[in-house]
PDB file of N, CA and C in Angstrom:
ATOM      1  N   MET A   1     100.937 102.158  90.325  1.00  0.00           N
ATOM      2  CA  MET A   1     101.346 101.990  88.947  1.00  0.00           C
ATOM      3  C   MET A   1     102.281 103.131  88.535  1.00  0.00           C
ATOM      4  N   ILE A   2     101.879 104.338  88.844  1.00  0.00           N
ATOM      5  CA  ILE A   2     102.671 105.485  88.408  1.00  0.00           C
ATOM      6  C   ILE A   2     104.054 105.487  89.053  1.00  0.00           C
ATOM      7  N   ARG A   3     104.120 105.011  90.286  1.00  0.00           N
ATOM      8  CA  ARG A   3     105.426 104.907  90.946  1.00  0.00           C
ATOM      9  C   ARG A   3     106.284 103.841  90.273  1.00  0.00           C
ATOM     10  N   GLN A   4     105.681 102.736  89.903  1.00  0.00           N
ATOM     11  CA  GLN A   4     106.439 101.685  89.229  1.00  0.00           C
ATOM     12  C   GLN A   4     106.976 102.159  87.887  1.00  0.00           C
ATOM     13  N   LEU A   5     106.214 103.026  87.235  1.00  0.00           N
ATOM     14  CA  LEU A   5     106.652 103.576  85.953  1.00  0.00           C
ATOM     15  C   LEU A   5     107.611 104.752  86.118  1.00  0.00           C
ATOM     16  N   LYS A   6     107.810 105.173  87.380  1.00  0.00           N
ATOM     17  CA  LYS A   6     108.717 106.279  87.699  1.00  0.00           C
ATOM     18  C   LYS A   6     108.319 107.580  86.999  1.00  0.00           C
ATOM     19  N   ILE A   7     107.017 107.830  86.979  1.00  0.00           N
ATOM     20  CA  ILE A   7     106.482 109.061  86.407  1.00  0.00           C
ATOM     21  C   ILE A   7     106.181 110.019  87.561  1.00  0.00           C
ATOM     22  N   PRO A   8     106.680 111.251  87.490  1.00  0.00           N
ATOM     23  CA  PRO A   8     106.381 112.207  88.559  1.00  0.00           C
ATOM     24  C   PRO A   8     104.879 112.457  88.642  1.00  0.00           C
ATOM     25  N   PHE A   9     104.381 112.629  89.852  1.00  0.00           N
ATOM     26  CA  PHE A   9     102.959 112.896  90.022  1.00  0.00           C
ATOM     27  C   PHE A   9     102.720 113.684  91.295  1.00  0.00           C
ATOM     28  N   ALA A  10     101.561 114.272  91.362  1.00  0.00           N
ATOM     29  CA  ALA A  10     101.105 115.020  92.534  1.00  0.00           C
ATOM     30  C   ALA A  10      99.584 114.989  92.498  1.00  0.00           C
ATOM     31  N   VAL A  11      98.965 115.678  93.445  1.00  0.00           N
ATOM     32  CA  VAL A  11      97.516 115.623  93.580  1.00  0.00           C
ATOM     33  C   VAL A  11      96.939 117.041  93.650  1.00  0.00           C
ATOM     34  N   ALA A  12      95.772 117.202  93.043  1.00  0.00           N
ATOM     35  CA  ALA A  12      94.922 118.375  93.248  1.00  0.00           C
ATOM     36  C   ALA A  12      93.617 117.833  93.828  1.00  0.00           C
ATOM     37  N   ILE A  13      93.178 118.411  94.923  1.00  0.00           N
ATOM     38  CA  ILE A  13      91.990 117.911  95.602  1.00  0.00           C
ATOM     39  C   ILE A  13      90.823 118.859  95.365  1.00  0.00           C
ATOM     40  N   ASN A  14      89.774 118.332  94.744  1.00  0.00           N
ATOM     41  CA  ASN A  14      88.551 119.098  94.524  1.00  0.00           C
ATOM     42  C   ASN A  14      87.624 118.882  95.717  1.00  0.00           C
ATOM     43  N   ARG A  15      86.864 119.917  96.063  1.00  0.00           N
ATOM     44  CA  ARG A  15      85.933 119.871  97.199  1.00  0.00           C
ATOM     45  C   ARG A  15      86.673 119.431  98.470  1.00  0.00           C
ATOM     46  N   SER A  16      87.811 120.045  98.674  1.00  0.00           N
ATOM     47  CA  SER A  16      88.734 119.632  99.727  1.00  0.00           C
ATOM     48  C   SER A  16      88.228 119.869 101.144  1.00  0.00           C
ATOM     49  N   ASP A  17      87.231 120.683 101.306  1.00  0.00           N
ATOM     50  CA  ASP A  17      86.747 120.988 102.655  1.00  0.00           C
ATOM     51  C   ASP A  17      85.518 120.168 103.050  1.00  0.00           C
ATOM     52  N   ILE A  18      85.184 119.161 102.252  1.00  0.00           N
ATOM     53  CA  ILE A  18      84.058 118.284 102.583  1.00  0.00           C
ATOM     54  C   ILE A  18      84.604 117.026 103.263  1.00  0.00           C
ATOM     55  N   GLY A  19      83.963 116.617 104.306  1.00  0.00           N
ATOM     56  CA  GLY A  19      84.377 115.387 104.988  1.00  0.00           C
ATOM     57  C   GLY A  19      85.564 115.619 105.896  1.00  0.00           C
ATOM     58  N   ASP A  20      86.314 114.561 106.094  1.00  0.00           N
ATOM     59  CA  ASP A  20      87.454 114.646 106.994  1.00  0.00           C
ATOM     60  C   ASP A  20      88.736 114.902 106.198  1.00  0.00           C
ATOM     61  N   ASP A  21      89.857 114.756 106.861  1.00  0.00           N
ATOM     62  CA  ASP A  21      91.135 115.020 106.210  1.00  0.00           C
ATOM     63  C   ASP A  21      91.842 113.745 105.759  1.00  0.00           C
ATOM     64  N   ALA A  22      91.075 112.699 105.473  1.00  0.00           N
ATOM     65  CA  ALA A  22      91.655 111.405 105.103  1.00  0.00           C
ATOM     66  C   ALA A  22      92.524 111.492 103.843  1.00  0.00           C
ATOM     67  N   VAL A  23      92.118 112.256 102.874  1.00  0.00           N
ATOM     68  CA  VAL A  23      92.905 112.359 101.633  1.00  0.00           C
ATOM     69  C   VAL A  23      94.238 113.042 101.922  1.00  0.00           C
ATOM     70  N   ILE A  24      94.197 114.113 102.681  1.00  0.00           N
ATOM     71  CA  ILE A  24      95.433 114.824 103.040  1.00  0.00           C
ATOM     72  C   ILE A  24      96.358 113.900 103.837  1.00  0.00           C
ATOM     73  N   ARG A  25      95.796 113.210 104.809  1.00  0.00           N
ATOM     74  CA  ARG A  25      96.614 112.300 105.629  1.00  0.00           C
ATOM     75  C   ARG A  25      97.224 111.193 104.764  1.00  0.00           C
ATOM     76  N   TYR A  26      96.426 110.649 103.833  1.00  0.00           N
ATOM     77  CA  TYR A  26      96.942 109.615 102.939  1.00  0.00           C
ATOM     78  C   TYR A  26      98.107 110.157 102.111  1.00  0.00           C
ATOM     79  N   CYS A  27      97.927 111.338 101.559  1.00  0.00           N
ATOM     80  CA  CYS A  27      98.989 111.936 100.745  1.00  0.00           C
ATOM     81  C   CYS A  27     100.251 112.159 101.580  1.00  0.00           C
ATOM     82  N   GLN A  28     100.079 112.628 102.801  1.00  0.00           N
ATOM     83  CA  GLN A  28     101.238 112.832 103.678  1.00  0.00           C
ATOM     84  C   GLN A  28     101.927 111.505 103.964  1.00  0.00           C
ATOM     85  N   LYS A  29     101.129 110.490 104.299  1.00  0.00           N
ATOM     86  CA  LYS A  29     101.678 109.164 104.625  1.00  0.00           C
ATOM     87  C   LYS A  29     102.443 108.576 103.440  1.00  0.00           C
ATOM     88  N   GLU A  30     101.912 108.773 102.248  1.00  0.00           N
ATOM     89  CA  GLU A  30     102.525 108.218 101.039  1.00  0.00           C
ATOM     90  C   GLU A  30     103.519 109.170 100.380  1.00  0.00           C
ATOM     91  N   ASN A  31     103.762 110.309 101.037  1.00  0.00           N
ATOM     92  CA  ASN A  31     104.692 111.306 100.510  1.00  0.00           C
ATOM     93  C   ASN A  31     104.278 111.787  99.108  1.00  0.00           C
ATOM     94  N   ILE A  32     102.993 112.085  98.980  1.00  0.00           N
ATOM     95  CA  ILE A  32     102.436 112.601  97.729  1.00  0.00           C
ATOM     96  C   ILE A  32     102.184 114.090  97.911  1.00  0.00           C
ATOM     97  N   GLU A  33     102.750 114.876  97.033  1.00  0.00           N
ATOM     98  CA  GLU A  33     102.586 116.322  97.133  1.00  0.00           C
ATOM     99  C   GLU A  33     101.175 116.741  96.710  1.00  0.00           C
ATOM    100  N   VAL A  34     100.559 117.593  97.499  1.00  0.00           N
ATOM    101  CA  VAL A  34      99.261 118.177  97.160  1.00  0.00           C
ATOM    102  C   VAL A  34      99.546 119.570  96.608  1.00  0.00           C
ATOM    103  N   LEU A  35      99.294 119.743  95.312  1.00  0.00           N
ATOM    104  CA  LEU A  35      99.613 121.012  94.660  1.00  0.00           C
ATOM    105  C   LEU A  35      98.490 122.036  94.763  1.00  0.00           C
ATOM    106  N   LEU A  36      97.254 121.555  94.882  1.00  0.00           N
ATOM    107  CA  LEU A  36      96.126 122.487  94.892  1.00  0.00           C
ATOM    108  C   LEU A  36      94.966 121.866  95.637  1.00  0.00           C
ATOM    109  N   GLN A  37      94.282 122.702  96.400  1.00  0.00           N
ATOM    110  CA  GLN A  37      93.042 122.290  97.049  1.00  0.00           C
ATOM    111  C   GLN A  37      91.958 123.282  96.631  1.00  0.00           C
ATOM    112  N   ILE A  38      90.873 122.755  96.092  1.00  0.00           N
ATOM    113  CA  ILE A  38      89.741 123.578  95.681  1.00  0.00           C
ATOM    114  C   ILE A  38      88.604 123.304  96.649  1.00  0.00           C
ATOM    115  N   ARG A  39      88.168 124.327  97.316  1.00  0.00           N
ATOM    116  CA  ARG A  39      87.115 124.152  98.313  1.00  0.00           C
ATOM    117  C   ARG A  39      85.762 123.916  97.641  1.00  0.00           C
ATOM    118  N   ASN A  40      84.838 123.376  98.391  1.00  0.00           N
ATOM    119  CA  ASN A  40      83.474 123.202  97.916  1.00  0.00           C
ATOM    120  C   ASN A  40      82.790 124.563  97.996  1.00  0.00           C
ATOM    121  N   ASP A  41      82.362 125.072  96.877  1.00  0.00           N
ATOM    122  CA  ASP A  41      81.767 126.400  96.837  1.00  0.00           C
ATOM    123  C   ASP A  41      80.635 126.387  95.806  1.00  0.00           C
ATOM    124  N   ARG A  42      79.486 126.808  96.225  1.00  0.00           N
ATOM    125  CA  ARG A  42      78.326 126.829  95.327  1.00  0.00           C
ATOM    126  C   ARG A  42      78.604 127.653  94.066  1.00  0.00           C
ATOM    127  N   LYS A  43      79.365 128.741  94.222  1.00  0.00           N
ATOM    128  CA  LYS A  43      79.689 129.588  93.064  1.00  0.00           C
ATOM    129  C   LYS A  43      80.474 128.797  92.013  1.00  0.00           C
ATOM    130  N   ILE A  44      81.337 127.908  92.477  1.00  0.00           N
ATOM    131  CA  ILE A  44      82.110 127.079  91.544  1.00  0.00           C
ATOM    132  C   ILE A  44      81.171 126.141  90.787  1.00  0.00           C
ATOM    133  N   ALA A  45      80.282 125.478  91.512  1.00  0.00           N
ATOM    134  CA  ALA A  45      79.329 124.558  90.880  1.00  0.00           C
ATOM    135  C   ALA A  45      78.429 125.297  89.892  1.00  0.00           C
ATOM    136  N   GLU A  46      77.981 126.478  90.262  1.00  0.00           N
ATOM    137  CA  GLU A  46      77.132 127.263  89.361  1.00  0.00           C
ATOM    138  C   GLU A  46      77.900 127.659  88.108  1.00  0.00           C
ATOM    139  N   SER A  47      79.153 128.012  88.274  1.00  0.00           N
ATOM    140  CA  SER A  47      79.988 128.357  87.114  1.00  0.00           C
ATOM    141  C   SER A  47      80.118 127.174  86.168  1.00  0.00           C
ATOM    142  N   TYR A  48      80.462 125.995  86.734  1.00  0.00           N
ATOM    143  CA  TYR A  48      80.589 124.793  85.910  1.00  0.00           C
ATOM    144  C   TYR A  48      79.304 124.540  85.141  1.00  0.00           C
ATOM    145  N   SER A  49      78.162 124.673  85.822  1.00  0.00           N
ATOM    146  CA  SER A  49      76.889 124.343  85.180  1.00  0.00           C
ATOM    147  C   SER A  49      76.551 125.302  84.045  1.00  0.00           C
ATOM    148  N   ARG A  50      77.092 126.511  84.099  1.00  0.00           N
ATOM    149  CA  ARG A  50      76.862 127.494  83.030  1.00  0.00           C
ATOM    150  C   ARG A  50      77.982 127.473  81.983  1.00  0.00           C
ATOM    151  N   GLY A  51      78.990 126.640  82.209  1.00  0.00           N
ATOM    152  CA  GLY A  51      80.119 126.585  81.283  1.00  0.00           C
ATOM    153  C   GLY A  51      81.076 127.754  81.446  1.00  0.00           C
ATOM    154  N   VAL A  52      81.043 128.382  82.612  1.00  0.00           N
ATOM    155  CA  VAL A  52      81.903 129.530  82.896  1.00  0.00           C
ATOM    156  C   VAL A  52      83.126 129.048  83.668  1.00  0.00           C
ATOM    157  N   MET A  53      84.276 129.563  83.306  1.00  0.00           N
ATOM    158  CA  MET A  53      85.498 129.164  84.002  1.00  0.00           C
ATOM    159  C   MET A  53      85.500 129.695  85.430  1.00  0.00           C
ATOM    160  N   ILE A  54      86.050 128.902  86.333  1.00  0.00           N
ATOM    161  CA  ILE A  54      86.088 129.256  87.747  1.00  0.00           C
ATOM    162  C   ILE A  54      86.793 130.602  87.975  1.00  0.00           C
ATOM    163  N   VAL A  55      87.824 130.889  87.196  1.00  0.00           N
ATOM    164  CA  VAL A  55      88.570 132.138  87.390  1.00  0.00           C
ATOM    165  C   VAL A  55      87.760 133.368  87.000  1.00  0.00           C
ATOM    166  N   ASP A  56      86.731 133.168  86.187  1.00  0.00           N
ATOM    167  CA  ASP A  56      85.861 134.294  85.838  1.00  0.00           C
ATOM    168  C   ASP A  56      84.868 134.598  86.954  1.00  0.00           C
ATOM    169  N   THR A  57      84.517 133.589  87.714  1.00  0.00           N
ATOM    170  CA  THR A  57      83.588 133.760  88.827  1.00  0.00           C
ATOM    171  C   THR A  57      84.329 134.101  90.116  1.00  0.00           C
ATOM    172  N   LEU A  58      85.422 133.416  90.348  1.00  0.00           N
ATOM    173  CA  LEU A  58      86.230 133.626  91.562  1.00  0.00           C
ATOM    174  C   LEU A  58      87.660 133.958  91.126  1.00  0.00           C
ATOM    175  N   PRO A  59      87.931 135.228  90.872  1.00  0.00           N
ATOM    176  CA  PRO A  59      89.245 135.624  90.333  1.00  0.00           C
ATOM    177  C   PRO A  59      90.433 135.204  91.198  1.00  0.00           C
ATOM    178  N   GLU A  60      90.212 134.969  92.496  1.00  0.00           N
ATOM    179  CA  GLU A  60      91.332 134.565  93.349  1.00  0.00           C
ATOM    180  C   GLU A  60      91.919 133.216  92.927  1.00  0.00           C
ATOM    181  N   TYR A  61      91.172 132.446  92.161  1.00  0.00           N
ATOM    182  CA  TYR A  61      91.678 131.160  91.698  1.00  0.00           C
ATOM    183  C   TYR A  61      92.645 131.299  90.526  1.00  0.00           C
ATOM    184  N   LYS A  62      92.659 132.435  89.877  1.00  0.00           N
ATOM    185  CA  LYS A  62      93.584 132.618  88.758  1.00  0.00           C
ATOM    186  C   LYS A  62      95.022 132.425  89.220  1.00  0.00           C
ATOM    187  N   GLN A  63      95.380 133.055  90.310  1.00  0.00           N
ATOM    188  CA  GLN A  63      96.741 132.927  90.829  1.00  0.00           C
ATOM    189  C   GLN A  63      97.029 131.496  91.269  1.00  0.00           C
ATOM    190  N   LYS A  64      96.032 130.832  91.843  1.00  0.00           N
ATOM    191  CA  LYS A  64      96.217 129.445  92.279  1.00  0.00           C
ATOM    192  C   LYS A  64      96.482 128.522  91.093  1.00  0.00           C
ATOM    193  N   PHE A  65      95.737 128.720  90.004  1.00  0.00           N
ATOM    194  CA  PHE A  65      95.936 127.884  88.822  1.00  0.00           C
ATOM    195  C   PHE A  65      97.242 128.219  88.106  1.00  0.00           C
ATOM    196  N   LEU A  66      97.635 129.481  88.131  1.00  0.00           N
ATOM    197  CA  LEU A  66      98.927 129.844  87.544  1.00  0.00           C
ATOM    198  C   LEU A  66     100.072 129.199  88.331  1.00  0.00           C
ATOM    199  N   LYS A  67      99.943 129.199  89.657  1.00  0.00           N
ATOM    200  CA  LYS A  67     100.953 128.546  90.485  1.00  0.00           C
ATOM    201  C   LYS A  67     100.972 127.036  90.215  1.00  0.00           C
ATOM    202  N   LEU A  68      99.808 126.430  90.071  1.00  0.00           N
ATOM    203  CA  LEU A  68      99.724 125.010  89.743  1.00  0.00           C
ATOM    204  C   LEU A  68     100.460 124.730  88.429  1.00  0.00           C
ATOM    205  N   TYR A  69     100.194 125.545  87.446  1.00  0.00           N
ATOM    206  CA  TYR A  69     100.863 125.402  86.149  1.00  0.00           C
ATOM    207  C   TYR A  69     102.379 125.488  86.299  1.00  0.00           C
ATOM    208  N   GLU A  70     102.847 126.495  87.033  1.00  0.00           N
ATOM    209  CA  GLU A  70     104.287 126.664  87.226  1.00  0.00           C
ATOM    210  C   GLU A  70     104.885 125.484  87.981  1.00  0.00           C
ATOM    211  N   ASP A  71     104.185 124.985  88.990  1.00  0.00           N
ATOM    212  CA  ASP A  71     104.671 123.828  89.755  1.00  0.00           C
ATOM    213  C   ASP A  71     104.781 122.600  88.860  1.00  0.00           C
ATOM    214  N   ILE A  72     103.802 122.390  88.019  1.00  0.00           N
ATOM    215  CA  ILE A  72     103.840 121.237  87.105  1.00  0.00           C
ATOM    216  C   ILE A  72     104.961 121.410  86.075  1.00  0.00           C
ATOM    217  N   LYS A  73     105.033 122.594  85.520  1.00  0.00           N
ATOM    218  CA  LYS A  73     106.064 122.877  84.511  1.00  0.00           C
ATOM    219  C   LYS A  73     107.471 122.655  85.083  1.00  0.00           C
ATOM    220  N   LYS A  74     107.658 123.063  86.325  1.00  0.00           N
ATOM    221  CA  LYS A  74     108.949 122.893  86.991  1.00  0.00           C
ATOM    222  C   LYS A  74     109.327 121.407  87.098  1.00  0.00           C
ATOM    223  N   GLU A  75     108.334 120.580  87.346  1.00  0.00           N
ATOM    224  CA  GLU A  75     108.581 119.142  87.512  1.00  0.00           C
ATOM    225  C   GLU A  75     108.878 118.418  86.208  1.00  0.00           C
ATOM    226  N   ILE A  76     108.290 118.879  85.125  1.00  0.00           N
ATOM    227  CA  ILE A  76     108.442 118.134  83.875  1.00  0.00           C
ATOM    228  C   ILE A  76     109.554 118.662  82.967  1.00  0.00           C
ATOM    229  N   LEU A  77     110.040 119.829  83.261  1.00  0.00           N
ATOM    230  CA  LEU A  77     111.120 120.381  82.401  1.00  0.00           C
ATOM    231  C   LEU A  77     112.473 120.185  83.007  1.00  0.00           C
TER     232      LEU A  77
END
């Protein structure tokens, strides 16, 4: 649908290290850009359950989310 509407899009994969690489392979096959992969991490789940932002628990994600923002901004402006 989104392709028919000619709207730019990309993918962020949550819990990207669970299971096989079928999502990545699908995105590659369909030429869909993967902008972010978030690994399965108990600390992330615990943060969500307490209402704490992931960047407060795992500061290394701050740069990843800033890059995601910049990548999206670049596409829409």
